[in-house]
Amino acid sequence: MEYTSTDKMAIFQPIKLGTMELKNRIGIGPYGSHPSDPDGCPNDLTVEYYRQLAQSGVGYI
């Protein structure tokens, strides 16, 4: 299969998932690289990390 430059750019196009409209198709799954509180809840560092990801252009987490 041969891809054109417009095929590759689809990742930057908006997409609707259910009731959510995402600004692009770039996503990142949550993973355990950041510490949490002893009770397992995310701490301020974890919240800040995901906030920065969301502001940097990741379409969904």
C-alpha atoms as a PDB file:
ATOM      1  CA  MET A   1       0.000   0.000   0.000  1.00  0.00           C
ATOM      2  CA  GLU A   2       1.319   3.425  -0.889  1.00  0.00           C
ATOM      3  CA  TYR A   3       0.626   6.437   1.292  1.00  0.00           C
ATOM      4  CA  THR A   4       0.474  10.051   0.200  1.00  0.00           C
ATOM      5  CA  SER A   5       1.426  13.038   2.301  1.00  0.00           C
ATOM      6  CA  THR A   6      -2.267  13.765   2.973  1.00  0.00           C
ATOM      7  CA  ASP A   7      -2.724  10.252   4.402  1.00  0.00           C
ATOM      8  CA  LYS A   8       0.063  10.905   6.883  1.00  0.00           C
ATOM      9  CA  MET A   9      -1.418  14.234   7.887  1.00  0.00           C
ATOM     10  CA  ALA A  10      -4.749  12.682   8.957  1.00  0.00           C
ATOM     11  CA  ILE A  11      -3.211  12.254  12.410  1.00  0.00           C
ATOM     12  CA  PHE A  12      -3.424  16.025  12.827  1.00  0.00           C
ATOM     13  CA  GLN A  13      -7.085  16.253  11.768  1.00  0.00           C
ATOM     14  CA  PRO A  14      -9.968  16.501  14.262  1.00  0.00           C
ATOM     15  CA  ILE A  15     -12.014  13.388  14.987  1.00  0.00           C
ATOM     16  CA  LYS A  16     -15.232  12.744  16.870  1.00  0.00           C
ATOM     17  CA  LEU A  17     -15.271   9.874  19.380  1.00  0.00           C
ATOM     18  CA  GLY A  18     -18.760   9.410  20.743  1.00  0.00           C
ATOM     19  CA  THR A  19     -19.736  12.796  22.115  1.00  0.00           C
ATOM     20  CA  MET A  20     -16.159  14.110  22.274  1.00  0.00           C
ATOM     21  CA  GLU A  21     -14.576  16.182  19.516  1.00  0.00           C
ATOM     22  CA  LEU A  22     -10.783  15.777  19.619  1.00  0.00           C
ATOM     23  CA  LYS A  23      -8.510  18.337  17.989  1.00  0.00           C
ATOM     24  CA  ASN A  24      -6.267  15.615  16.577  1.00  0.00           C
ATOM     25  CA  ARG A  25      -5.737  11.847  16.581  1.00  0.00           C
ATOM     26  CA  ILE A  26      -2.660  11.870  18.789  1.00  0.00           C
ATOM     27  CA  GLY A  27      -3.163   9.979  22.019  1.00  0.00           C
ATOM     28  CA  ILE A  28      -1.136   8.677  24.909  1.00  0.00           C
ATOM     29  CA  GLY A  29      -2.126   6.013  27.390  1.00  0.00           C
ATOM     30  CA  PRO A  30      -1.692   6.589  31.097  1.00  0.00           C
ATOM     31  CA  TYR A  31       1.254   4.755  32.570  1.00  0.00           C
ATOM     32  CA  GLY A  32       2.849   4.451  35.960  1.00  0.00           C
ATOM     33  CA  SER A  33       6.012   6.472  35.575  1.00  0.00           C
ATOM     34  CA  HIS A  34       4.935   9.079  38.098  1.00  0.00           C
ATOM     35  CA  PRO A  35       4.567   8.580  41.824  1.00  0.00           C
ATOM     36  CA  SER A  36       1.275   8.560  43.632  1.00  0.00           C
ATOM     37  CA  ASP A  37       0.286   9.025  47.235  1.00  0.00           C
ATOM     38  CA  PRO A  38       0.565   5.991  49.543  1.00  0.00           C
ATOM     39  CA  ASP A  39      -3.182   5.395  49.068  1.00  0.00           C
ATOM     40  CA  GLY A  40      -2.690   5.139  45.293  1.00  0.00           C
ATOM     41  CA  CYS A  41      -4.180   8.513  44.367  1.00  0.00           C
ATOM     42  CA  PRO A  42      -2.305  10.719  41.879  1.00  0.00           C
ATOM     43  CA  ASN A  43      -0.277  13.438  43.549  1.00  0.00           C
ATOM     44  CA  ASP A  44       0.345  17.004  42.390  1.00  0.00           C
ATOM     45  CA  LEU A  45       3.342  15.957  40.271  1.00  0.00           C
ATOM     46  CA  THR A  46       1.250  13.413  38.379  1.00  0.00           C
ATOM     47  CA  VAL A  47      -1.572  15.895  37.821  1.00  0.00           C
ATOM     48  CA  GLU A  48       0.909  18.480  36.528  1.00  0.00           C
ATOM     49  CA  TYR A  49       2.476  15.938  34.144  1.00  0.00           C
ATOM     50  CA  TYR A  50      -0.855  15.096  32.512  1.00  0.00           C
ATOM     51  CA  ARG A  51      -1.886  18.776  32.464  1.00  0.00           C
ATOM     52  CA  GLN A  52       1.259  19.609  30.504  1.00  0.00           C
ATOM     53  CA  LEU A  53       0.621  16.736  28.104  1.00  0.00           C
ATOM     54  CA  ALA A  54      -2.893  17.992  27.454  1.00  0.00           C
ATOM     55  CA  GLN A  55      -1.636  21.540  26.832  1.00  0.00           C
ATOM     56  CA  SER A  56       1.136  20.366  24.496  1.00  0.00           C
ATOM     57  CA  GLY A  57      -1.268  19.098  21.866  1.00  0.00           C
ATOM     58  CA  VAL A  58      -2.005  15.489  22.772  1.00  0.00           C
ATOM     59  CA  GLY A  59      -5.571  14.900  21.565  1.00  0.00           C
ATOM     60  CA  TYR A  60      -6.503  12.407  24.264  1.00  0.00           C
ATOM     61  CA  ILE A  61      -5.046  10.656  27.271  1.00  0.00           C
END
